[in-house]
């Protein structure tokens, strides 16, 4: 396939779309981000990269914690709103009718309608240029009981998760394989 060479840019898509809640249950804020991911398994660690001018940046610096909330189709409009509006100017939680719940290990609240919340404690902040990366240990994971099957397996595929791809929100699609399927031995029937 023939390719064009462009200047360096952020062309790694799709990305997880998340809503970051921060502050306290009494004085919360929420913002939307796509610069996030897992950076370590043991101990479990994640990150979120935020511009210094974002209202949530200062809140996270002061509190040392935040919550990553996965975004579903039901939360997509609120996620878009919380990504373009500033908590310094408007109470986004009230404006979007979002419901909060207390976290189990940190002071930042969780979004009640998100199927999975990662409670995160900042371990390091790295200044990168346009963004600061907040590296964090995952202190607890809250998963919606309604998404557990009879064996206790989390069925996130039933939650209508959203990804962010080049300026658009996309529903995750159909399953085409699973980890290790390319090397899995096939059962042969006689």
Protein backbone atom coordinates (compact mmCIF):
# COMPACT_ATOMS: atom_id res chain seq x y z
CA UNK A 1 0.00 0.00 0.00
CA UNK A 2 1.40 3.39 -1.01
CA UNK A 3 1.68 5.95 1.81
CA UNK A 4 2.22 9.67 2.22
CA UNK A 5 4.63 10.99 4.83
CA UNK A 6 3.14 13.69 7.07
CA UNK A 7 4.66 15.79 9.82
CA UNK A 8 4.65 14.16 13.29
CA UNK A 9 1.18 14.12 14.84
CA UNK A 10 -1.24 12.33 17.13
CA UNK A 11 -2.52 9.70 14.71
CA UNK A 12 -2.88 6.80 17.11
CA UNK A 13 -6.57 5.92 16.87
CA UNK A 14 -8.98 4.74 18.15
CA UNK A 15 -8.49 5.79 21.76
CA UNK A 16 -10.52 5.03 24.85
CA UNK A 17 -12.93 7.86 25.65
CA UNK A 18 -13.03 8.53 29.37
CA UNK A 19 -14.54 11.00 31.77
CA UNK A 20 -12.20 12.04 34.56
CA UNK A 21 -13.86 12.97 37.83
CA UNK A 22 -11.84 14.86 40.40
CA UNK A 23 -12.21 17.03 43.46
CA UNK A 24 -14.39 15.81 46.29
CA UNK A 25 -17.93 14.49 46.50
CA UNK A 26 -18.95 17.87 47.93
CA UNK A 27 -17.02 19.92 45.33
CA UNK A 28 -16.56 17.73 42.24
CA UNK A 29 -15.59 18.35 38.64
CA UNK A 30 -15.61 16.16 35.57
CA UNK A 31 -13.83 16.48 32.24
CA UNK A 32 -13.43 14.32 29.17
CA UNK A 33 -10.09 13.00 27.95
CA UNK A 34 -8.74 10.57 25.38
CA UNK A 35 -5.02 10.77 26.23
CA UNK A 36 -5.06 7.81 28.61
CA UNK A 37 -4.07 4.19 28.88
CA UNK A 38 -2.59 1.43 31.00
CA UNK A 39 1.14 1.72 31.68
CA UNK A 40 1.81 -1.20 34.03
CA UNK A 41 0.19 -4.46 35.17
CA UNK A 42 1.81 -5.14 38.56
CA UNK A 43 1.18 -2.85 40.28
CA UNK A 44 -1.74 -1.71 38.11
CA UNK A 45 -1.03 1.78 36.82
CA UNK A 46 -2.61 4.19 34.38
CA UNK A 47 -2.18 7.78 33.25
CA UNK A 48 -4.11 10.73 31.96
CA UNK A 49 -2.48 13.64 30.12
CA UNK A 50 -4.05 17.06 30.61
CA UNK A 51 -3.27 20.56 29.44
CA UNK A 52 -2.12 22.82 32.27
CA UNK A 53 -4.89 25.33 31.55
CA UNK A 54 -7.65 22.76 32.11
CA UNK A 55 -9.63 23.41 35.31
CA UNK A 56 -9.24 19.77 36.37
CA UNK A 57 -5.44 19.98 36.11
CA UNK A 58 -5.17 22.17 39.20
CA UNK A 59 -7.71 20.11 41.11
CA UNK A 60 -5.74 16.91 40.48
CA UNK A 61 -2.45 18.60 41.38
CA UNK A 62 -3.97 19.70 44.71
CA UNK A 63 -5.79 16.46 45.57
CA UNK A 64 -3.37 13.89 44.17
CA UNK A 65 -6.16 11.68 42.85
CA UNK A 66 -8.78 11.28 40.13
CA UNK A 67 -11.22 8.69 38.84
CA UNK A 68 -11.32 7.33 35.30
CA UNK A 69 -14.89 6.56 34.23
CA UNK A 70 -15.50 4.54 31.06
CA UNK A 71 -17.96 6.13 28.63
CA UNK A 72 -20.99 4.36 27.18
CA UNK A 73 -23.34 5.36 24.39
CA UNK A 74 -25.72 6.66 27.09
CA UNK A 75 -22.95 8.94 28.46
CA UNK A 76 -21.61 10.09 25.08
CA UNK A 77 -23.47 13.43 24.90
CA UNK A 78 -22.41 14.27 28.46
CA UNK A 79 -18.83 13.28 27.62
CA UNK A 80 -18.82 15.63 24.64
CA UNK A 81 -20.27 18.47 26.75
CA UNK A 82 -17.73 17.87 29.53
CA UNK A 83 -14.94 17.96 26.96
CA UNK A 84 -15.84 21.35 25.50
CA UNK A 85 -17.10 23.21 28.58
CA UNK A 86 -14.95 24.28 31.54
CA UNK A 87 -15.78 23.48 35.15
CA UNK A 88 -14.44 26.93 36.01
CA UNK A 89 -17.46 28.42 34.22
CA UNK A 90 -20.27 25.90 34.66
CA UNK A 91 -21.27 23.02 36.91
CA UNK A 92 -21.07 20.33 34.23
CA UNK A 93 -22.33 17.60 36.56
CA UNK A 94 -25.53 19.51 37.26
CA UNK A 95 -25.92 20.70 33.66
CA UNK A 96 -25.74 17.12 32.33
CA UNK A 97 -27.68 15.51 35.19
CA UNK A 98 -24.77 13.23 36.06
CA UNK A 99 -25.00 11.16 39.24
CA UNK A 100 -22.00 10.70 41.50
CA UNK A 101 -21.10 7.99 43.97
CA UNK A 102 -18.35 7.96 46.56
CA UNK A 103 -15.15 6.14 45.75
CA UNK A 104 -13.96 3.42 48.10
CA UNK A 105 -10.26 4.39 48.36
CA UNK A 106 -9.86 8.01 47.25
CA UNK A 107 -11.60 11.36 47.73
CA UNK A 108 -12.57 11.89 44.07
CA UNK A 109 -16.09 10.67 43.26
CA UNK A 110 -17.09 8.18 40.56
CA UNK A 111 -19.74 8.60 37.89
CA UNK A 112 -22.59 6.29 38.91
CA UNK A 113 -23.72 5.64 35.31
CA UNK A 114 -20.29 4.56 34.11
CA UNK A 115 -19.94 0.75 34.00
CA UNK A 116 -16.35 0.82 35.28
CA UNK A 117 -14.56 3.37 37.44
CA UNK A 118 -10.82 3.28 38.15
CA UNK A 119 -9.90 5.02 41.41
CA UNK A 120 -6.46 6.51 40.83
CA UNK A 121 -3.79 7.98 43.11
CA UNK A 122 -1.18 10.18 41.42
CA UNK A 123 2.34 8.82 41.80
CA UNK A 124 4.20 11.14 39.46
CA UNK A 125 3.58 14.13 37.20
CA UNK A 126 5.68 14.45 34.05
CA UNK A 127 5.72 17.77 32.19
CA UNK A 128 5.70 16.93 28.49
CA UNK A 129 5.05 20.21 26.67
CA UNK A 130 1.42 20.91 25.82
CA UNK A 131 0.29 18.35 28.44
CA UNK A 132 1.29 17.07 31.86
CA UNK A 133 1.06 13.31 32.31
CA UNK A 134 -0.44 12.23 35.63
CA UNK A 135 0.87 8.72 36.26
CA UNK A 136 -1.25 6.96 38.85
CA UNK A 137 -1.67 3.72 40.73
CA UNK A 138 -5.09 2.13 40.36
CA UNK A 139 -6.30 1.85 43.95
CA UNK A 140 -9.66 0.21 43.22
CA UNK A 141 -11.90 -0.80 40.32
CA UNK A 142 -15.67 -0.48 40.57
CA UNK A 143 -17.62 -2.63 38.09
CA UNK A 144 -21.37 -2.68 37.47
CA UNK A 145 -22.89 -5.87 38.87
CA UNK A 146 -25.42 -5.96 36.03
CA UNK A 147 -22.55 -6.64 33.61
CA UNK A 148 -21.32 -9.77 35.39
CA UNK A 149 -22.23 -13.16 33.94
CA UNK A 150 -23.02 -16.26 36.03
CA UNK A 151 -19.31 -17.00 36.42
CA UNK A 152 -18.55 -13.44 37.62
CA UNK A 153 -16.87 -12.43 34.33
CA UNK A 154 -17.28 -8.78 33.40
CA UNK A 155 -19.07 -8.50 30.06
CA UNK A 156 -18.08 -4.99 29.01
CA UNK A 157 -19.22 -5.80 25.48
CA UNK A 158 -22.78 -5.45 26.80
CA UNK A 159 -22.24 -1.85 27.95
CA UNK A 160 -22.03 -0.04 24.57
CA UNK A 161 -18.58 1.44 25.17
CA UNK A 162 -17.45 4.40 23.09
CA UNK A 163 -14.03 5.04 21.52
CA UNK A 164 -12.66 8.33 20.18
CA UNK A 165 -11.31 8.20 16.64
CA UNK A 166 -9.97 11.22 14.81
CA UNK A 167 -12.54 13.67 16.16
CA UNK A 168 -15.48 11.25 16.21
CA UNK A 169 -17.14 9.08 18.83
CA UNK A 170 -17.57 5.46 17.75
CA UNK A 171 -19.36 2.50 19.31
CA UNK A 172 -17.09 -0.49 19.73
CA UNK A 173 -17.98 -3.18 17.22
CA UNK A 174 -18.29 -6.91 16.93
CA UNK A 175 -15.82 -9.42 18.30
CA UNK A 176 -13.42 -10.82 15.68
CA UNK A 177 -11.10 -12.82 17.93
CA UNK A 178 -9.67 -13.03 21.42
CA UNK A 179 -6.22 -12.77 22.94
CA UNK A 180 -4.12 -15.72 21.74
CA UNK A 181 -6.58 -16.97 19.11
CA UNK A 182 -3.89 -16.89 16.40
CA UNK A 183 -1.87 -19.60 18.18
CA UNK A 184 -4.69 -21.51 19.84
CA UNK A 185 -4.83 -25.22 19.03
CA UNK A 186 -7.95 -26.24 17.20
CA UNK A 187 -10.07 -29.05 18.47
CA UNK A 188 -10.39 -31.69 15.78
CA UNK A 189 -13.45 -33.95 15.86
CA UNK A 190 -13.21 -37.54 14.64
